[in-house]
C-alpha atoms as a PDB file:
ATOM      1  CA  MET A   1       1.173  24.556  -1.309  1.00  0.00           C
ATOM      2  CA  THR A   2       2.500  21.242  -2.661  1.00  0.00           C
ATOM      3  CA  TRP A   3       3.614  20.629  -6.219  1.00  0.00           C
ATOM      4  CA  HIS A   4       0.461  18.539  -6.784  1.00  0.00           C
ATOM      5  CA  GLN A   5      -1.664  21.677  -6.679  1.00  0.00           C
ATOM      6  CA  GLU A   6       0.249  23.125  -9.650  1.00  0.00           C
ATOM      7  CA  ALA A   7       0.018  20.002 -11.836  1.00  0.00           C
ATOM      8  CA  ASN A   8      -1.740  19.978 -15.211  1.00  0.00           C
ATOM      9  CA  CYS A   9      -3.550  16.814 -14.120  1.00  0.00           C
ATOM     10  CA  LEU A  10      -5.222  18.431 -11.101  1.00  0.00           C
ATOM     11  CA  GLY A  11      -8.913  17.534 -11.350  1.00  0.00           C
ATOM     12  CA  VAL A  12      -8.399  15.019 -14.182  1.00  0.00           C
ATOM     13  CA  ASP A  13      -9.813  11.512 -13.678  1.00  0.00           C
ATOM     14  CA  PRO A  14      -6.834   9.380 -12.520  1.00  0.00           C
ATOM     15  CA  GLU A  15      -7.976   6.542 -14.815  1.00  0.00           C
ATOM     16  CA  VAL A  16      -6.735   8.640 -17.755  1.00  0.00           C
ATOM     17  CA  PHE A  17      -3.186   7.881 -16.587  1.00  0.00           C
ATOM     18  CA  TYR A  18      -3.729   4.102 -16.593  1.00  0.00           C
ATOM     19  CA  PRO A  19      -4.552   3.340 -20.229  1.00  0.00           C
ATOM     20  CA  GLU A  20      -5.201  -0.211 -21.391  1.00  0.00           C
ATOM     21  CA  ARG A  21      -2.143  -1.992 -22.773  1.00  0.00           C
ATOM     22  CA  GLY A  22      -1.741  -1.145 -26.445  1.00  0.00           C
ATOM     23  CA  ASP A  23      -4.225   1.775 -26.416  1.00  0.00           C
ATOM     24  CA  MET A  24      -1.913   4.327 -27.986  1.00  0.00           C
ATOM     25  CA  ALA A  25      -4.623   7.001 -28.291  1.00  0.00           C
ATOM     26  CA  ALA A  26      -5.226   6.860 -24.516  1.00  0.00           C
ATOM     27  CA  PHE A  27      -1.467   6.839 -23.899  1.00  0.00           C
ATOM     28  CA  ARG A  28      -0.998   9.949 -26.065  1.00  0.00           C
ATOM     29  CA  THR A  29      -3.870  11.683 -24.253  1.00  0.00           C
ATOM     30  CA  ALA A  30      -2.198  11.114 -20.872  1.00  0.00           C
ATOM     31  CA  VAL A  31       1.197  12.230 -22.156  1.00  0.00           C
ATOM     32  CA  ALA A  32      -0.364  15.351 -23.716  1.00  0.00           C
ATOM     33  CA  ILE A  33      -1.699  16.354 -20.297  1.00  0.00           C
ATOM     34  CA  CYS A  34       1.814  15.979 -18.870  1.00  0.00           C
ATOM     35  CA  LYS A  35       3.440  17.916 -21.698  1.00  0.00           C
ATOM     36  CA  GLY A  36       4.271  21.418 -20.555  1.00  0.00           C
ATOM     37  CA  CYS A  37       3.298  20.690 -16.952  1.00  0.00           C
ATOM     38  CA  PRO A  38       5.167  23.061 -14.623  1.00  0.00           C
ATOM     39  CA  VAL A  39       5.861  20.263 -12.124  1.00  0.00           C
ATOM     40  CA  ILE A  40       6.655  17.385 -14.483  1.00  0.00           C
ATOM     41  CA  GLU A  41      10.108  16.837 -12.930  1.00  0.00           C
ATOM     42  CA  GLN A  42       8.700  16.549  -9.401  1.00  0.00           C
ATOM     43  CA  CYS A  43       6.023  14.122 -10.603  1.00  0.00           C
ATOM     44  CA  LEU A  44       8.569  11.953 -12.374  1.00  0.00           C
ATOM     45  CA  GLU A  45      10.975  11.928  -9.420  1.00  0.00           C
ATOM     46  CA  GLU A  46       8.282  11.084  -6.865  1.00  0.00           C
ATOM     47  CA  ASN A  47       6.686   8.354  -8.986  1.00  0.00           C
ATOM     48  CA  MET A  48       9.777   6.840 -10.588  1.00  0.00           C
ATOM     49  CA  ALA A  49       9.322   3.454  -8.886  1.00  0.00           C
ATOM     50  CA  GLU A  50       5.620   3.084  -9.799  1.00  0.00           C
ATOM     51  CA  LYS A  51       5.033  -0.143 -11.710  1.00  0.00           C
ATOM     52  CA  ASP A  52       2.005   1.078 -13.729  1.00  0.00           C
ATOM     53  CA  GLY A  53       0.557   4.241 -15.170  1.00  0.00           C
ATOM     54  CA  ILE A  54       1.797   7.428 -16.775  1.00  0.00           C
ATOM     55  CA  PHE A  55       3.783   9.710 -14.465  1.00  0.00           C
ATOM     56  CA  GLY A  56       5.924  12.656 -15.488  1.00  0.00           C
ATOM     57  CA  GLY A  57       4.917  11.945 -19.071  1.00  0.00           C
ATOM     58  CA  LEU A  58       6.535   8.485 -19.062  1.00  0.00           C
ATOM     59  CA  SER A  59       5.079   4.982 -19.084  1.00  0.00           C
ATOM     60  CA  ALA A  60       6.276   2.308 -16.652  1.00  0.00           C
ATOM     61  CA  ASN A  61       8.615   0.872 -19.313  1.00  0.00           C
ATOM     62  CA  GLN A  62      10.008   4.303 -20.113  1.00  0.00           C
ATOM     63  CA  ARG A  63      10.565   5.014 -16.412  1.00  0.00           C
ATOM     64  CA  ARG A  64      12.387   1.685 -16.039  1.00  0.00           C
ATOM     65  CA  GLU A  65      14.736   2.633 -18.909  1.00  0.00           C
ATOM     66  CA  TYR A  66      15.205   6.117 -17.440  1.00  0.00           C
ATOM     67  CA  ARG A  67      16.159   4.589 -14.051  1.00  0.00           C
ATOM     68  CA  LYS A  68      18.793   2.413 -15.708  1.00  0.00           C
ATOM     69  CA  VAL A  69      20.514   5.521 -17.050  1.00  0.00           C
ATOM     70  CA  HIS A  70      19.785   8.209 -14.459  1.00  0.00           C
ATOM     71  CA  GLY A  71      18.712   6.358 -11.311  1.00  0.00           C
ATOM     72  CA  ILE A  72      16.375   7.828  -8.714  1.00  0.00           C
ATOM     73  CA  ARG A  73      17.153   9.749  -5.567  1.00  0.00           C
ATOM     74  CA  ALA A  74      17.113   7.542  -2.456  1.00  0.00           C
ATOM     75  CA  ASP A  75      18.544   7.416   1.054  1.00  0.00           C
ATOM     76  CA  CYS A  76      20.753   4.464   1.959  1.00  0.00           C
ATOM     77  CA  LEU A  77      18.931   2.081   4.297  1.00  0.00           C
ATOM     78  CA  HIS A  78      22.074   1.729   6.417  1.00  0.00           C
ATOM     79  CA  CYS A  79      23.942   5.029   6.575  1.00  0.00           C
ATOM     80  CA  GLY A  80      21.221   7.401   5.352  1.00  0.00           C
ATOM     81  CA  VAL A  81      23.378   9.109   2.723  1.00  0.00           C
ATOM     82  CA  GLU A  82      21.498  10.231  -0.404  1.00  0.00           C
ATOM     83  CA  PHE A  83      22.494   8.429  -3.602  1.00  0.00           C
ATOM     84  CA  ARG A  84      21.177   7.592  -7.077  1.00  0.00           C
ATOM     85  CA  LEU A  85      19.414   4.209  -7.079  1.00  0.00           C
ATOM     86  CA  ARG A  86      19.393   2.528 -10.489  1.00  0.00           C
ATOM     87  CA  ASN A  87      16.975  -0.284  -9.634  1.00  0.00           C
ATOM     88  CA  THR A  88      14.261  -0.690  -7.034  1.00  0.00           C
ATOM     89  CA  THR A  89      15.576  -3.925  -5.520  1.00  0.00           C
ATOM     90  CA  SER A  90      18.445  -2.424  -3.524  1.00  0.00           C
ATOM     91  CA  GLY A  91      18.378   0.394  -1.033  1.00  0.00           C
ATOM     92  CA  PHE A  92      22.063   0.653  -0.235  1.00  0.00           C
ATOM     93  CA  CYS A  93      24.654   3.138  -1.458  1.00  0.00           C
ATOM     94  CA  SER A  94      27.444   0.530  -1.463  1.00  0.00           C
ATOM     95  CA  PRO A  95      28.122  -3.181  -0.981  1.00  0.00           C
ATOM     96  CA  GLU A  96      29.755  -2.286   2.338  1.00  0.00           C
ATOM     97  CA  CYS A  97      26.535  -0.683   3.632  1.00  0.00           C
ATOM     98  CA  LYS A  98      24.531  -3.696   2.466  1.00  0.00           C
ATOM     99  CA  LYS A  99      26.862  -6.048   4.377  1.00  0.00           C
ATOM    100  CA  ALA A 100      26.878  -3.813   7.451  1.00  0.00           C
ATOM    101  CA  ARG A 101      23.054  -3.660   7.514  1.00  0.00           C
ATOM    102  CA  HIS A 102      22.827  -7.444   7.144  1.00  0.00           C
ATOM    103  CA  HIS A 103      25.291  -7.897  10.024  1.00  0.00           C
ATOM    104  CA  GLN A 104      23.349  -5.406  12.158  1.00  0.00           C
ATOM    105  CA  GLN A 105      20.073  -7.259  11.513  1.00  0.00           C
ATOM    106  CA  LYS A 106      21.674 -10.596  12.432  1.00  0.00           C
ATOM    107  CA  MET A 107      22.942  -9.145  15.707  1.00  0.00           C
ATOM    108  CA  GLU A 108      19.533  -7.640  16.533  1.00  0.00           C
ATOM    109  CA  SER A 109      17.831 -10.948  15.762  1.00  0.00           C
ATOM    110  CA  ALA A 110      20.271 -12.820  18.001  1.00  0.00           C
ATOM    111  CA  ALA A 111      19.670 -10.320  20.815  1.00  0.00           C
ATOM    112  CA  ARG A 112      15.899 -10.728  20.516  1.00  0.00           C
ATOM    113  CA  ALA A 113      16.274 -14.497  20.620  1.00  0.00           C
ATOM    114  CA  TRP A 114      18.490 -14.288  23.707  1.00  0.00           C
ATOM    115  CA  TRP A 115      16.013 -12.010  25.539  1.00  0.00           C
ATOM    116  CA  SER A 116      13.032 -14.217  24.682  1.00  0.00           C
ATOM    117  CA  GLU A 117      14.811 -17.248  26.207  1.00  0.00           C
ATOM    118  CA  ALA A 118      15.578 -15.453  29.473  1.00  0.00           C
END
């Protein structure tokens, strides 16, 4: 059984979690469904990078602020180590891994170019 099957929102129309901008009554309705949910942490963690909607009881703006403080769990795109990502534009645990991945991609691109010429 996955965490989704234990969620308060199971069976609720997904549109409820995408209220119109400025519709505070609809926003409060969505948040009320999330309140007390036994899997709210899993929902928030899995949907932290979503750009719209209410997930884990937080709006997109609230999730963005949460990420700035707490980050989200991610695996480094180069070395695979798990780390806390504070924004969704980088996938590297360190500047060194970012440079190493860039170098690796350049070498792979050069190798592909060499093989296509042969």
